Amino acid sequence: MLLDVIMPGMNGHQVLRQLKACPASREIRVIMISAVDEVESVVRGIELGADDYLLKPFNPVILGTMSAPVLRRNVCVTRRPTTAKKSSARGAAPTDWLQAILPPSAVAELKGDHNEVKPRRLE
């Protein structure tokens, strides 16, 4: 999840606190993105459970580089124990990674014979 600090109604730190307090959402990986460059805001985000903090304006290449280790941690957390043993012994297959972060319909589309997949928002 990419989470901004400054939002209407509830700020990103409040959202993060609620995510990490709920067992159903505790394991969601969060990268905070914000124009707030105060050290206190960065430290607070990390202490509340954010995996990383990126300042705006941000470079998409840096975001991609930061996201890779966060997604790897997510795969380890969401994988069933029996699958985790097999994956750690041989390395996770790219399809395993996709299945850990995308709904089955999106994985099927990506694995299909299409030369192009149109971008769209997935919940």
PDB file of N, CA and C in Angstrom:
ATOM      1  N   MET A   1       0.839  -1.161   0.000  1.00  0.00           N
ATOM      2  CA  MET A   1       0.000   0.000   0.000  1.00  0.00           C
ATOM      3  C   MET A   1       0.891   1.232   0.000  1.00  0.00           C
ATOM      4  N   LEU A   2       0.559   2.177  -0.857  1.00  0.00           N
ATOM      5  CA  LEU A   2       1.200   3.477  -0.831  1.00  0.00           C
ATOM      6  C   LEU A   2       0.284   4.390  -0.037  1.00  0.00           C
ATOM      7  N   LEU A   3       0.815   5.031   0.989  1.00  0.00           N
ATOM      8  CA  LEU A   3      -0.002   5.804   1.911  1.00  0.00           C
ATOM      9  C   LEU A   3       0.579   7.189   2.096  1.00  0.00           C
ATOM     10  N   ASP A   4      -0.208   8.212   1.768  1.00  0.00           N
ATOM     11  CA  ASP A   4       0.225   9.595   1.952  1.00  0.00           C
ATOM     12  C   ASP A   4       0.004   9.982   3.410  1.00  0.00           C
ATOM     13  N   VAL A   5       0.784  10.925   3.897  1.00  0.00           N
ATOM     14  CA  VAL A   5       0.614  11.402   5.263  1.00  0.00           C
ATOM     15  C   VAL A   5      -0.520  12.422   5.331  1.00  0.00           C
ATOM     16  N   ILE A   6      -0.545  13.339   4.379  1.00  0.00           N
ATOM     17  CA  ILE A   6      -1.555  14.398   4.393  1.00  0.00           C
ATOM     18  C   ILE A   6      -2.738  13.981   3.537  1.00  0.00           C
ATOM     19  N   MET A   7      -3.865  13.730   4.214  1.00  0.00           N
ATOM     20  CA  MET A   7      -5.092  13.325   3.535  1.00  0.00           C
ATOM     21  C   MET A   7      -6.260  14.000   4.243  1.00  0.00           C
ATOM     22  N   PRO A   8      -7.382  14.153   3.549  1.00  0.00           N
ATOM     23  CA  PRO A   8      -8.552  14.750   4.207  1.00  0.00           C
ATOM     24  C   PRO A   8      -9.185  13.779   5.201  1.00  0.00           C
ATOM     25  N   GLY A   9      -9.642  14.310   6.304  1.00  0.00           N
ATOM     26  CA  GLY A   9     -10.348  13.487   7.286  1.00  0.00           C
ATOM     27  C   GLY A   9      -9.450  12.761   8.266  1.00  0.00           C
ATOM     28  N   MET A  10      -8.574  11.946   7.767  1.00  0.00           N
ATOM     29  CA  MET A  10      -7.683  11.152   8.620  1.00  0.00           C
ATOM     30  C   MET A  10      -6.303  11.166   7.982  1.00  0.00           C
ATOM     31  N   ASN A  11      -5.261  11.461   8.769  1.00  0.00           N
ATOM     32  CA  ASN A  11      -3.926  11.487   8.164  1.00  0.00           C
ATOM     33  C   ASN A  11      -3.347  10.075   8.050  1.00  0.00           C
ATOM     34  N   GLY A  12      -2.283   9.952   7.290  1.00  0.00           N
ATOM     35  CA  GLY A  12      -1.675   8.657   7.025  1.00  0.00           C
ATOM     36  C   GLY A  12      -1.194   7.928   8.268  1.00  0.00           C
ATOM     37  N   HIS A  13      -0.721   8.676   9.265  1.00  0.00           N
ATOM     38  CA  HIS A  13      -0.280   8.044  10.505  1.00  0.00           C
ATOM     39  C   HIS A  13      -1.466   7.393  11.228  1.00  0.00           C
ATOM     40  N   GLN A  14      -2.625   8.051  11.199  1.00  0.00           N
ATOM     41  CA  GLN A  14      -3.817   7.480  11.829  1.00  0.00           C
ATOM     42  C   GLN A  14      -4.283   6.225  11.082  1.00  0.00           C
ATOM     43  N   VAL A  15      -4.249   6.290   9.756  1.00  0.00           N
ATOM     44  CA  VAL A  15      -4.625   5.123   8.949  1.00  0.00           C
ATOM     45  C   VAL A  15      -3.684   3.963   9.257  1.00  0.00           C
ATOM     46  N   LEU A  16      -2.389   4.245   9.289  1.00  0.00           N
ATOM     47  CA  LEU A  16      -1.394   3.210   9.557  1.00  0.00           C
ATOM     48  C   LEU A  16      -1.600   2.594  10.935  1.00  0.00           C
ATOM     49  N   ARG A  17      -1.875   3.423  11.937  1.00  0.00           N
ATOM     50  CA  ARG A  17      -2.112   2.915  13.290  1.00  0.00           C
ATOM     51  C   ARG A  17      -3.305   1.941  13.290  1.00  0.00           C
ATOM     52  N   GLN A  18      -4.374   2.302  12.583  1.00  0.00           N
ATOM     53  CA  GLN A  18      -5.548   1.429  12.525  1.00  0.00           C
ATOM     54  C   GLN A  18      -5.262   0.139  11.748  1.00  0.00           C
ATOM     55  N   LEU A  19      -4.516   0.247  10.638  1.00  0.00           N
ATOM     56  CA  LEU A  19      -4.154  -0.956   9.865  1.00  0.00           C
ATOM     57  C   LEU A  19      -3.383  -1.945  10.721  1.00  0.00           C
ATOM     58  N   LYS A  20      -2.397  -1.449  11.455  1.00  0.00           N
ATOM     59  CA  LYS A  20      -1.520  -2.327  12.228  1.00  0.00           C
ATOM     60  C   LYS A  20      -2.190  -2.835  13.500  1.00  0.00           C
ATOM     61  N   ALA A  21      -3.260  -2.171  13.951  1.00  0.00           N
ATOM     62  CA  ALA A  21      -3.972  -2.621  15.145  1.00  0.00           C
ATOM     63  C   ALA A  21      -4.961  -3.744  14.832  1.00  0.00           C
ATOM     64  N   CYS A  22      -5.345  -3.881  13.587  1.00  0.00           N
ATOM     65  CA  CYS A  22      -6.345  -4.879  13.187  1.00  0.00           C
ATOM     66  C   CYS A  22      -5.650  -6.153  12.692  1.00  0.00           C
ATOM     67  N   PRO A  23      -5.945  -7.308  13.276  1.00  0.00           N
ATOM     68  CA  PRO A  23      -5.307  -8.558  12.842  1.00  0.00           C
ATOM     69  C   PRO A  23      -5.488  -8.851  11.349  1.00  0.00           C
ATOM     70  N   ALA A  24      -6.623  -8.478  10.787  1.00  0.00           N
ATOM     71  CA  ALA A  24      -6.893  -8.767   9.375  1.00  0.00           C
ATOM     72  C   ALA A  24      -6.032  -7.934   8.430  1.00  0.00           C
ATOM     73  N   SER A  25      -5.564  -6.775   8.865  1.00  0.00           N
ATOM     74  CA  SER A  25      -4.780  -5.904   7.980  1.00  0.00           C
ATOM     75  C   SER A  25      -3.362  -5.658   8.473  1.00  0.00           C
ATOM     76  N   ARG A  26      -3.002  -6.262   9.583  1.00  0.00           N
ATOM     77  CA  ARG A  26      -1.699  -6.021  10.200  1.00  0.00           C
ATOM     78  C   ARG A  26      -0.519  -6.306   9.270  1.00  0.00           C
ATOM     79  N   GLU A  27      -0.652  -7.319   8.410  1.00  0.00           N
ATOM     80  CA  GLU A  27       0.461  -7.727   7.556  1.00  0.00           C
ATOM     81  C   GLU A  27       0.534  -6.976   6.222  1.00  0.00           C
ATOM     82  N   ILE A  28      -0.372  -6.034   5.994  1.00  0.00           N
ATOM     83  CA  ILE A  28      -0.304  -5.238   4.762  1.00  0.00           C
ATOM     84  C   ILE A  28       0.972  -4.417   4.789  1.00  0.00           C
ATOM     85  N   ARG A  29       1.731  -4.485   3.718  1.00  0.00           N
ATOM     86  CA  ARG A  29       2.984  -3.741   3.603  1.00  0.00           C
ATOM     87  C   ARG A  29       2.672  -2.313   3.172  1.00  0.00           C
ATOM     88  N   VAL A  30       3.327  -1.342   3.818  1.00  0.00           N
ATOM     89  CA  VAL A  30       3.017   0.069   3.590  1.00  0.00           C
ATOM     90  C   VAL A  30       4.292   0.860   3.317  1.00  0.00           C
ATOM     91  N   ILE A  31       4.261   1.614   2.230  1.00  0.00           N
ATOM     92  CA  ILE A  31       5.293   2.610   1.964  1.00  0.00           C
ATOM     93  C   ILE A  31       4.600   3.956   2.054  1.00  0.00           C
ATOM     94  N   MET A  32       5.058   4.799   2.954  1.00  0.00           N
ATOM     95  CA  MET A  32       4.475   6.127   3.092  1.00  0.00           C
ATOM     96  C   MET A  32       5.129   7.045   2.073  1.00  0.00           C
ATOM     97  N   ILE A  33       4.302   7.846   1.424  1.00  0.00           N
ATOM     98  CA  ILE A  33       4.780   8.823   0.447  1.00  0.00           C
ATOM     99  C   ILE A  33       4.213  10.165   0.858  1.00  0.00           C
ATOM    100  N   SER A  34       5.098  11.144   1.043  1.00  0.00           N
ATOM    101  CA  SER A  34       4.593  12.422   1.531  1.00  0.00           C
ATOM    102  C   SER A  34       5.521  13.577   1.206  1.00  0.00           C
ATOM    103  N   ALA A  35       4.922  14.763   1.155  1.00  0.00           N
ATOM    104  CA  ALA A  35       5.696  15.991   1.024  1.00  0.00           C
ATOM    105  C   ALA A  35       6.208  16.431   2.394  1.00  0.00           C
ATOM    106  N   VAL A  36       5.710  15.800   3.459  1.00  0.00           N
ATOM    107  CA  VAL A  36       6.156  16.118   4.813  1.00  0.00           C
ATOM    108  C   VAL A  36       7.537  15.509   5.007  1.00  0.00           C
ATOM    109  N   ASP A  37       8.550  16.374   5.032  1.00  0.00           N
ATOM    110  CA  ASP A  37       9.922  15.861   5.122  1.00  0.00           C
ATOM    111  C   ASP A  37      10.536  16.072   6.502  1.00  0.00           C
ATOM    112  N   GLU A  38       9.703  16.227   7.503  1.00  0.00           N
ATOM    113  CA  GLU A  38      10.202  16.390   8.863  1.00  0.00           C
ATOM    114  C   GLU A  38      10.631  15.030   9.416  1.00  0.00           C
ATOM    115  N   VAL A  39      11.754  15.003  10.092  1.00  0.00           N
ATOM    116  CA  VAL A  39      12.286  13.759  10.644  1.00  0.00           C
ATOM    117  C   VAL A  39      11.253  13.091  11.549  1.00  0.00           C
ATOM    118  N   GLU A  40      10.513  13.887  12.316  1.00  0.00           N
ATOM    119  CA  GLU A  40       9.524  13.332  13.234  1.00  0.00           C
ATOM    120  C   GLU A  40       8.453  12.539  12.490  1.00  0.00           C
ATOM    121  N   SER A  41       8.044  13.030  11.328  1.00  0.00           N
ATOM    122  CA  SER A  41       7.021  12.336  10.548  1.00  0.00           C
ATOM    123  C   SER A  41       7.549  11.006  10.011  1.00  0.00           C
ATOM    124  N   VAL A  42       8.784  11.007   9.538  1.00  0.00           N
ATOM    125  CA  VAL A  42       9.400   9.781   9.032  1.00  0.00           C
ATOM    126  C   VAL A  42       9.530   8.762  10.162  1.00  0.00           C
ATOM    127  N   VAL A  43      10.067   9.191  11.294  1.00  0.00           N
ATOM    128  CA  VAL A  43      10.262   8.290  12.436  1.00  0.00           C
ATOM    129  C   VAL A  43       8.922   7.756  12.924  1.00  0.00           C
ATOM    130  N   ARG A  44       7.925   8.622  13.011  1.00  0.00           N
ATOM    131  CA  ARG A  44       6.602   8.187  13.477  1.00  0.00           C
ATOM    132  C   ARG A  44       6.021   7.132  12.538  1.00  0.00           C
ATOM    133  N   GLY A  45       6.136   7.342  11.235  1.00  0.00           N
ATOM    134  CA  GLY A  45       5.627   6.371  10.272  1.00  0.00           C
ATOM    135  C   GLY A  45       6.293   5.013  10.422  1.00  0.00           C
ATOM    136  N   ILE A  46       7.611   5.026  10.544  1.00  0.00           N
ATOM    137  CA  ILE A  46       8.353   3.759  10.695  1.00  0.00           C
ATOM    138  C   ILE A  46       7.996   3.089  12.021  1.00  0.00           C
ATOM    139  N   GLU A  47       7.903   3.873  13.088  1.00  0.00           N
ATOM    140  CA  GLU A  47       7.548   3.302  14.398  1.00  0.00           C
ATOM    141  C   GLU A  47       6.136   2.713  14.399  1.00  0.00           C
ATOM    142  N   LEU A  48       5.238   3.298  13.611  1.00  0.00           N
ATOM    143  CA  LEU A  48       3.871   2.787  13.541  1.00  0.00           C
ATOM    144  C   LEU A  48       3.758   1.548  12.659  1.00  0.00           C
ATOM    145  N   GLY A  49       4.824   1.223  11.928  1.00  0.00           N
ATOM    146  CA  GLY A  49       4.809  -0.008  11.141  1.00  0.00           C
ATOM    147  C   GLY A  49       4.994   0.155   9.653  1.00  0.00           C
ATOM    148  N   ALA A  50       5.248   1.369   9.162  1.00  0.00           N
ATOM    149  CA  ALA A  50       5.506   1.537   7.726  1.00  0.00           C
ATOM    150  C   ALA A  50       6.804   0.815   7.373  1.00  0.00           C
ATOM    151  N   ASP A  51       6.842   0.256   6.185  1.00  0.00           N
ATOM    152  CA  ASP A  51       8.037  -0.444   5.733  1.00  0.00           C
ATOM    153  C   ASP A  51       9.078   0.517   5.188  1.00  0.00           C
ATOM    154  N   ASP A  52       8.626   1.668   4.713  1.00  0.00           N
ATOM    155  CA  ASP A  52       9.554   2.671   4.198  1.00  0.00           C
ATOM    156  C   ASP A  52       8.825   3.994   4.066  1.00  0.00           C
ATOM    157  N   TYR A  53       9.566   5.068   3.747  1.00  0.00           N
ATOM    158  CA  TYR A  53       9.014   6.416   3.660  1.00  0.00           C
ATOM    159  C   TYR A  53       9.715   7.102   2.504  1.00  0.00           C
ATOM    160  N   LEU A  54       8.956   7.632   1.586  1.00  0.00           N
ATOM    161  CA  LEU A  54       9.508   8.267   0.391  1.00  0.00           C
ATOM    162  C   LEU A  54       8.969   9.688   0.293  1.00  0.00           C
ATOM    163  N   LEU A  55       9.859  10.639   0.040  1.00  0.00           N
ATOM    164  CA  LEU A  55       9.456  12.043  -0.050  1.00  0.00           C
ATOM    165  C   LEU A  55       8.973  12.411  -1.444  1.00  0.00           C
ATOM    166  N   LYS A  56       7.966  13.287  -1.506  1.00  0.00           N
ATOM    167  CA  LYS A  56       7.473  13.844  -2.765  1.00  0.00           C
ATOM    168  C   LYS A  56       8.303  15.081  -3.093  1.00  0.00           C
ATOM    169  N   PRO A  57       8.493  15.405  -4.325  1.00  0.00           N
ATOM    170  CA  PRO A  57       8.194  14.565  -5.477  1.00  0.00           C
ATOM    171  C   PRO A  57       9.161  13.392  -5.501  1.00  0.00           C
ATOM    172  N   PHE A  58       8.685  12.234  -5.923  1.00  0.00           N
ATOM    173  CA  PHE A  58       9.530  11.052  -5.905  1.00  0.00           C
ATOM    174  C   PHE A  58       9.816  10.567  -7.312  1.00  0.00           C
ATOM    175  N   ASN A  59      10.903   9.860  -7.436  1.00  0.00           N
ATOM    176  CA  ASN A  59      11.307   9.274  -8.701  1.00  0.00           C
ATOM    177  C   ASN A  59      10.700   7.873  -8.773  1.00  0.00           C
ATOM    178  N   PRO A  60       9.948   7.558  -9.833  1.00  0.00           N
ATOM    179  CA  PRO A  60       9.329   6.232  -9.938  1.00  0.00           C
ATOM    180  C   PRO A  60      10.329   5.079  -9.882  1.00  0.00           C
ATOM    181  N   VAL A  61      11.534   5.303 -10.357  1.00  0.00           N
ATOM    182  CA  VAL A  61      12.560   4.248 -10.306  1.00  0.00           C
ATOM    183  C   VAL A  61      12.909   3.941  -8.850  1.00  0.00           C
ATOM    184  N   ILE A  62      13.014   4.987  -8.038  1.00  0.00           N
ATOM    185  CA  ILE A  62      13.317   4.783  -6.617  1.00  0.00           C
ATOM    186  C   ILE A  62      12.155   4.059  -5.942  1.00  0.00           C
ATOM    187  N   LEU A  63      10.921   4.434  -6.273  1.00  0.00           N
ATOM    188  CA  LEU A  63       9.766   3.740  -5.705  1.00  0.00           C
ATOM    189  C   LEU A  63       9.797   2.263  -6.079  1.00  0.00           C
ATOM    190  N   GLY A  64      10.095   1.961  -7.326  1.00  0.00           N
ATOM    191  CA  GLY A  64      10.185   0.563  -7.756  1.00  0.00           C
ATOM    192  C   GLY A  64      11.256  -0.198  -7.006  1.00  0.00           C
ATOM    193  N   THR A  65      12.402   0.450  -6.792  1.00  0.00           N
ATOM    194  CA  THR A  65      13.502  -0.176  -6.063  1.00  0.00           C
ATOM    195  C   THR A  65      13.119  -0.424  -4.608  1.00  0.00           C
ATOM    196  N   MET A  66      12.392   0.517  -4.011  1.00  0.00           N
ATOM    197  CA  MET A  66      11.960   0.362  -2.615  1.00  0.00           C
ATOM    198  C   MET A  66      10.883  -0.709  -2.497  1.00  0.00           C
ATOM    199  N   SER A  67      10.048  -0.831  -3.513  1.00  0.00           N
ATOM    200  CA  SER A  67       8.909  -1.748  -3.451  1.00  0.00           C
ATOM    201  C   SER A  67       9.324  -3.216  -3.495  1.00  0.00           C
ATOM    202  N   ALA A  68      10.379  -3.531  -4.218  1.00  0.00           N
ATOM    203  CA  ALA A  68      10.777  -4.934  -4.394  1.00  0.00           C
ATOM    204  C   ALA A  68      10.987  -5.663  -3.063  1.00  0.00           C
ATOM    205  N   PRO A  69      11.814  -5.136  -2.146  1.00  0.00           N
ATOM    206  CA  PRO A  69      11.984  -5.861  -0.876  1.00  0.00           C
ATOM    207  C   PRO A  69      10.705  -5.903  -0.040  1.00  0.00           C
ATOM    208  N   VAL A  70       9.890  -4.869  -0.128  1.00  0.00           N
ATOM    209  CA  VAL A  70       8.625  -4.852   0.611  1.00  0.00           C
ATOM    210  C   VAL A  70       7.714  -5.957   0.089  1.00  0.00           C
ATOM    211  N   LEU A  71       7.628  -6.116  -1.223  1.00  0.00           N
ATOM    212  CA  LEU A  71       6.793  -7.175  -1.800  1.00  0.00           C
ATOM    213  C   LEU A  71       7.347  -8.555  -1.477  1.00  0.00           C
ATOM    214  N   ARG A  72       8.669  -8.703  -1.452  1.00  0.00           N
ATOM    215  CA  ARG A  72       9.254  -9.999  -1.075  1.00  0.00           C
ATOM    216  C   ARG A  72       8.848 -10.360   0.344  1.00  0.00           C
ATOM    217  N   ARG A  73       8.864  -9.396   1.256  1.00  0.00           N
ATOM    218  CA  ARG A  73       8.442  -9.675   2.632  1.00  0.00           C
ATOM    219  C   ARG A  73       6.977 -10.073   2.653  1.00  0.00           C
ATOM    220  N   ASN A  74       6.154  -9.444   1.811  1.00  0.00           N
ATOM    221  CA  ASN A  74       4.736  -9.764   1.754  1.00  0.00           C
ATOM    222  C   ASN A  74       4.522 -11.195   1.280  1.00  0.00           C
ATOM    223  N   VAL A  75       5.280 -11.647   0.316  1.00  0.00           N
ATOM    224  CA  VAL A  75       5.157 -13.024  -0.172  1.00  0.00           C
ATOM    225  C   VAL A  75       5.469 -13.992   0.959  1.00  0.00           C
ATOM    226  N   CYS A  76       6.484 -13.720   1.732  1.00  0.00           N
ATOM    227  CA  CYS A  76       6.855 -14.607   2.832  1.00  0.00           C
ATOM    228  C   CYS A  76       5.764 -14.662   3.889  1.00  0.00           C
ATOM    229  N   VAL A  77       5.119 -13.549   4.152  1.00  0.00           N
ATOM    230  CA  VAL A  77       4.092 -13.494   5.180  1.00  0.00           C
ATOM    231  C   VAL A  77       2.815 -14.184   4.737  1.00  0.00           C
ATOM    232  N   THR A  78       2.419 -14.039   3.475  1.00  0.00           N
ATOM    233  CA  THR A  78       1.130 -14.557   3.027  1.00  0.00           C
ATOM    234  C   THR A  78       1.180 -16.003   2.575  1.00  0.00           C
ATOM    235  N   ARG A  79       2.332 -16.558   2.386  1.00  0.00           N
ATOM    236  CA  ARG A  79       2.454 -17.925   1.891  1.00  0.00           C
ATOM    237  C   ARG A  79       2.120 -18.929   2.983  1.00  0.00           C
ATOM    238  N   ARG A  80       1.443 -20.023   2.607  1.00  0.00           N
ATOM    239  CA  ARG A  80       1.144 -21.099   3.553  1.00  0.00           C
ATOM    240  C   ARG A  80       2.446 -21.811   3.930  1.00  0.00           C
ATOM    241  N   PRO A  81       2.551 -22.352   5.133  1.00  0.00           N
ATOM    242  CA  PRO A  81       3.788 -22.992   5.594  1.00  0.00           C
ATOM    243  C   PRO A  81       4.330 -24.056   4.647  1.00  0.00           C
ATOM    244  N   THR A  82       3.493 -24.930   4.103  1.00  0.00           N
ATOM    245  CA  THR A  82       4.017 -25.995   3.244  1.00  0.00           C
ATOM    246  C   THR A  82       4.604 -25.415   1.961  1.00  0.00           C
ATOM    247  N   THR A  83       3.968 -24.394   1.413  1.00  0.00           N
ATOM    248  CA  THR A  83       4.485 -23.762   0.206  1.00  0.00           C
ATOM    249  C   THR A  83       5.762 -22.995   0.521  1.00  0.00           C
ATOM    250  N   ALA A  84       5.819 -22.379   1.693  1.00  0.00           N
ATOM    251  CA  ALA A  84       7.004 -21.602   2.059  1.00  0.00           C
ATOM    252  C   ALA A  84       8.240 -22.490   2.117  1.00  0.00           C
ATOM    253  N   LYS A  85       8.075 -23.725   2.615  1.00  0.00           N
ATOM    254  CA  LYS A  85       9.221 -24.625   2.681  1.00  0.00           C
ATOM    255  C   LYS A  85       9.731 -24.945   1.285  1.00  0.00           C
ATOM    256  N   LYS A  86       8.825 -25.244   0.375  1.00  0.00           N
ATOM    257  CA  LYS A  86       9.229 -25.544  -0.994  1.00  0.00           C
ATOM    258  C   LYS A  86       9.871 -24.324  -1.640  1.00  0.00           C
ATOM    259  N   SER A  87       9.285 -23.155  -1.436  1.00  0.00           N
ATOM    260  CA  SER A  87       9.794 -21.942  -2.070  1.00  0.00           C
ATOM    261  C   SER A  87      11.173 -21.575  -1.548  1.00  0.00           C
ATOM    262  N   SER A  88      11.386 -21.717  -0.244  1.00  0.00           N
ATOM    263  CA  SER A  88      12.681 -21.326   0.292  1.00  0.00           C
ATOM    264  C   SER A  88      13.777 -22.264  -0.195  1.00  0.00           C
ATOM    265  N   ALA A  89      13.422 -23.500  -0.485  1.00  0.00           N
ATOM    266  CA  ALA A  89      14.425 -24.457  -0.946  1.00  0.00           C
ATOM    267  C   ALA A  89      14.825 -24.200  -2.396  1.00  0.00           C
ATOM    268  N   ARG A  90      13.911 -23.714  -3.219  1.00  0.00           N
ATOM    269  CA  ARG A  90      14.225 -23.560  -4.633  1.00  0.00           C
ATOM    270  C   ARG A  90      14.103 -22.128  -5.128  1.00  0.00           C
ATOM    271  N   GLY A  91      13.611 -21.213  -4.280  1.00  0.00           N
ATOM    272  CA  GLY A  91      13.364 -19.836  -4.708  1.00  0.00           C
ATOM    273  C   GLY A  91      11.953 -19.734  -5.239  1.00  0.00           C
ATOM    274  N   ALA A  92      11.276 -18.644  -4.930  1.00  0.00           N
ATOM    275  CA  ALA A  92       9.883 -18.492  -5.340  1.00  0.00           C
ATOM    276  C   ALA A  92       9.798 -18.232  -6.838  1.00  0.00           C
ATOM    277  N   ALA A  93       8.885 -18.927  -7.490  1.00  0.00           N
ATOM    278  CA  ALA A  93       8.655 -18.722  -8.920  1.00  0.00           C
ATOM    279  C   ALA A  93       7.931 -17.405  -9.124  1.00  0.00           C
ATOM    280  N   PRO A  94       8.126 -16.767 -10.293  1.00  0.00           N
ATOM    281  CA  PRO A  94       7.449 -15.494 -10.549  1.00  0.00           C
ATOM    282  C   PRO A  94       5.936 -15.587 -10.392  1.00  0.00           C
ATOM    283  N   THR A  95       5.336 -16.720 -10.764  1.00  0.00           N
ATOM    284  CA  THR A  95       3.895 -16.882 -10.617  1.00  0.00           C
ATOM    285  C   THR A  95       3.494 -16.850  -9.147  1.00  0.00           C
ATOM    286  N   ASP A  96       4.315 -17.443  -8.266  1.00  0.00           N
ATOM    287  CA  ASP A  96       4.034 -17.406  -6.826  1.00  0.00           C
ATOM    288  C   ASP A  96       3.948 -15.973  -6.335  1.00  0.00           C
ATOM    289  N   TRP A  97       4.858 -15.148  -6.815  1.00  0.00           N
ATOM    290  CA  TRP A  97       4.884 -13.738  -6.402  1.00  0.00           C
ATOM    291  C   TRP A  97       3.606 -13.049  -6.851  1.00  0.00           C
ATOM    292  N   LEU A  98       3.224 -13.294  -8.092  1.00  0.00           N
ATOM    293  CA  LEU A  98       2.008 -12.665  -8.612  1.00  0.00           C
ATOM    294  C   LEU A  98       0.789 -13.107  -7.817  1.00  0.00           C
ATOM    295  N   GLN A  99       0.698 -14.388  -7.509  1.00  0.00           N
ATOM    296  CA  GLN A  99      -0.457 -14.910  -6.782  1.00  0.00           C
ATOM    297  C   GLN A  99      -0.536 -14.350  -5.366  1.00  0.00           C
ATOM    298  N   ALA A 100       0.603 -13.969  -4.811  1.00  0.00           N
ATOM    299  CA  ALA A 100       0.614 -13.425  -3.460  1.00  0.00           C
ATOM    300  C   ALA A 100       0.116 -11.988  -3.408  1.00  0.00           C
ATOM    301  N   ILE A 101       0.217 -11.258  -4.526  1.00  0.00           N
ATOM    302  CA  ILE A 101      -0.138  -9.839  -4.481  1.00  0.00           C
ATOM    303  C   ILE A 101      -1.295  -9.445  -5.381  1.00  0.00           C
ATOM    304  N   LEU A 102      -1.735 -10.334  -6.279  1.00  0.00           N
ATOM    305  CA  LEU A 102      -2.798  -9.993  -7.217  1.00  0.00           C
ATOM    306  C   LEU A 102      -3.953 -10.984  -7.127  1.00  0.00           C
ATOM    307  N   PRO A 103      -5.158 -10.539  -7.479  1.00  0.00           N
ATOM    308  CA  PRO A 103      -6.288 -11.474  -7.519  1.00  0.00           C
ATOM    309  C   PRO A 103      -6.100 -12.486  -8.647  1.00  0.00           C
ATOM    310  N   PRO A 104      -6.718 -13.666  -8.539  1.00  0.00           N
ATOM    311  CA  PRO A 104      -6.550 -14.717  -9.549  1.00  0.00           C
ATOM    312  C   PRO A 104      -6.854 -14.263 -10.976  1.00  0.00           C
ATOM    313  N   SER A 105      -7.858 -13.411 -11.164  1.00  0.00           N
ATOM    314  CA  SER A 105      -8.203 -12.965 -12.519  1.00  0.00           C
ATOM    315  C   SER A 105      -7.059 -12.162 -13.145  1.00  0.00           C
ATOM    316  N   ALA A 106      -6.371 -11.353 -12.341  1.00  0.00           N
ATOM    317  CA  ALA A 106      -5.251 -10.568 -12.860  1.00  0.00           C
ATOM    318  C   ALA A 106      -4.065 -11.468 -13.194  1.00  0.00           C
ATOM    319  N   VAL A 107      -3.805 -12.476 -12.367  1.00  0.00           N
ATOM    320  CA  VAL A 107      -2.711 -13.418 -12.638  1.00  0.00           C
ATOM    321  C   VAL A 107      -2.989 -14.166 -13.938  1.00  0.00           C
ATOM    322  N   ALA A 108      -4.232 -14.616 -14.116  1.00  0.00           N
ATOM    323  CA  ALA A 108      -4.591 -15.336 -15.342  1.00  0.00           C
ATOM    324  C   ALA A 108      -4.393 -14.442 -16.566  1.00  0.00           C
ATOM    325  N   GLU A 109      -4.765 -13.191 -16.461  1.00  0.00           N
ATOM    326  CA  GLU A 109      -4.599 -12.261 -17.579  1.00  0.00           C
ATOM    327  C   GLU A 109      -3.117 -12.057 -17.901  1.00  0.00           C
ATOM    328  N   LEU A 110      -2.303 -11.898 -16.881  1.00  0.00           N
ATOM    329  CA  LEU A 110      -0.865 -11.693 -17.098  1.00  0.00           C
ATOM    330  C   LEU A 110      -0.195 -12.937 -17.680  1.00  0.00           C
ATOM    331  N   LYS A 111      -0.671 -14.116 -17.296  1.00  0.00           N
ATOM    332  CA  LYS A 111      -0.089 -15.355 -17.798  1.00  0.00           C
ATOM    333  C   LYS A 111      -0.608 -15.724 -19.187  1.00  0.00           C
ATOM    334  N   GLY A 112      -1.658 -15.053 -19.651  1.00  0.00           N
ATOM    335  CA  GLY A 112      -2.261 -15.363 -20.941  1.00  0.00           C
ATOM    336  C   GLY A 112      -1.348 -15.026 -22.103  1.00  0.00           C
ATOM    337  N   ASP A 113      -1.840 -15.252 -23.296  1.00  0.00           N
ATOM    338  CA  ASP A 113      -1.066 -15.033 -24.513  1.00  0.00           C
ATOM    339  C   ASP A 113      -1.186 -13.607 -25.045  1.00  0.00           C
ATOM    340  N   HIS A 114      -1.624 -12.702 -24.212  1.00  0.00           N
ATOM    341  CA  HIS A 114      -1.801 -11.314 -24.638  1.00  0.00           C
ATOM    342  C   HIS A 114      -0.450 -10.632 -24.781  1.00  0.00           C
ATOM    343  N   ASN A 115      -0.325  -9.802 -25.779  1.00  0.00           N
ATOM    344  CA  ASN A 115       0.899  -9.025 -25.933  1.00  0.00           C
ATOM    345  C   ASN A 115       0.867  -7.769 -25.078  1.00  0.00           C
ATOM    346  N   GLU A 116      -0.315  -7.423 -24.620  1.00  0.00           N
ATOM    347  CA  GLU A 116      -0.470  -6.201 -23.847  1.00  0.00           C
ATOM    348  C   GLU A 116      -1.566  -6.377 -22.818  1.00  0.00           C
ATOM    349  N   VAL A 117      -1.333  -5.858 -21.617  1.00  0.00           N
ATOM    350  CA  VAL A 117      -2.341  -5.857 -20.573  1.00  0.00           C
ATOM    351  C   VAL A 117      -2.610  -4.401 -20.236  1.00  0.00           C
ATOM    352  N   LYS A 118      -3.852  -3.984 -20.353  1.00  0.00           N
ATOM    353  CA  LYS A 118      -4.204  -2.590 -20.081  1.00  0.00           C
ATOM    354  C   LYS A 118      -4.184  -2.331 -18.574  1.00  0.00           C
ATOM    355  N   PRO A 119      -3.582  -1.225 -18.154  1.00  0.00           N
ATOM    356  CA  PRO A 119      -3.547  -0.908 -16.723  1.00  0.00           C
ATOM    357  C   PRO A 119      -4.943  -0.578 -16.208  1.00  0.00           C
ATOM    358  N   ARG A 120      -5.199  -0.997 -14.971  1.00  0.00           N
ATOM    359  CA  ARG A 120      -6.455  -0.672 -14.306  1.00  0.00           C
ATOM    360  C   ARG A 120      -6.260  -0.837 -12.802  1.00  0.00           C
ATOM    361  N   ARG A 121      -7.157  -0.275 -12.050  1.00  0.00           N
ATOM    362  CA  ARG A 121      -7.072  -0.336 -10.595  1.00  0.00           C
ATOM    363  C   ARG A 121      -7.675  -1.657 -10.104  1.00  0.00           C
ATOM    364  N   LEU A 122      -6.968  -2.303  -9.190  1.00  0.00           N
ATOM    365  CA  LEU A 122      -7.459  -3.529  -8.567  1.00  0.00           C
ATOM    366  C   LEU A 122      -7.549  -3.313  -7.072  1.00  0.00           C
ATOM    367  N   GLU A 123      -8.651  -3.712  -6.479  1.00  0.00           N
ATOM    368  CA  GLU A 123      -8.795  -3.593  -5.033  1.00  0.00           C
ATOM    369  C   GLU A 123      -7.996  -4.691  -4.354  1.00  0.00           C
TER     370      GLU A 123
END
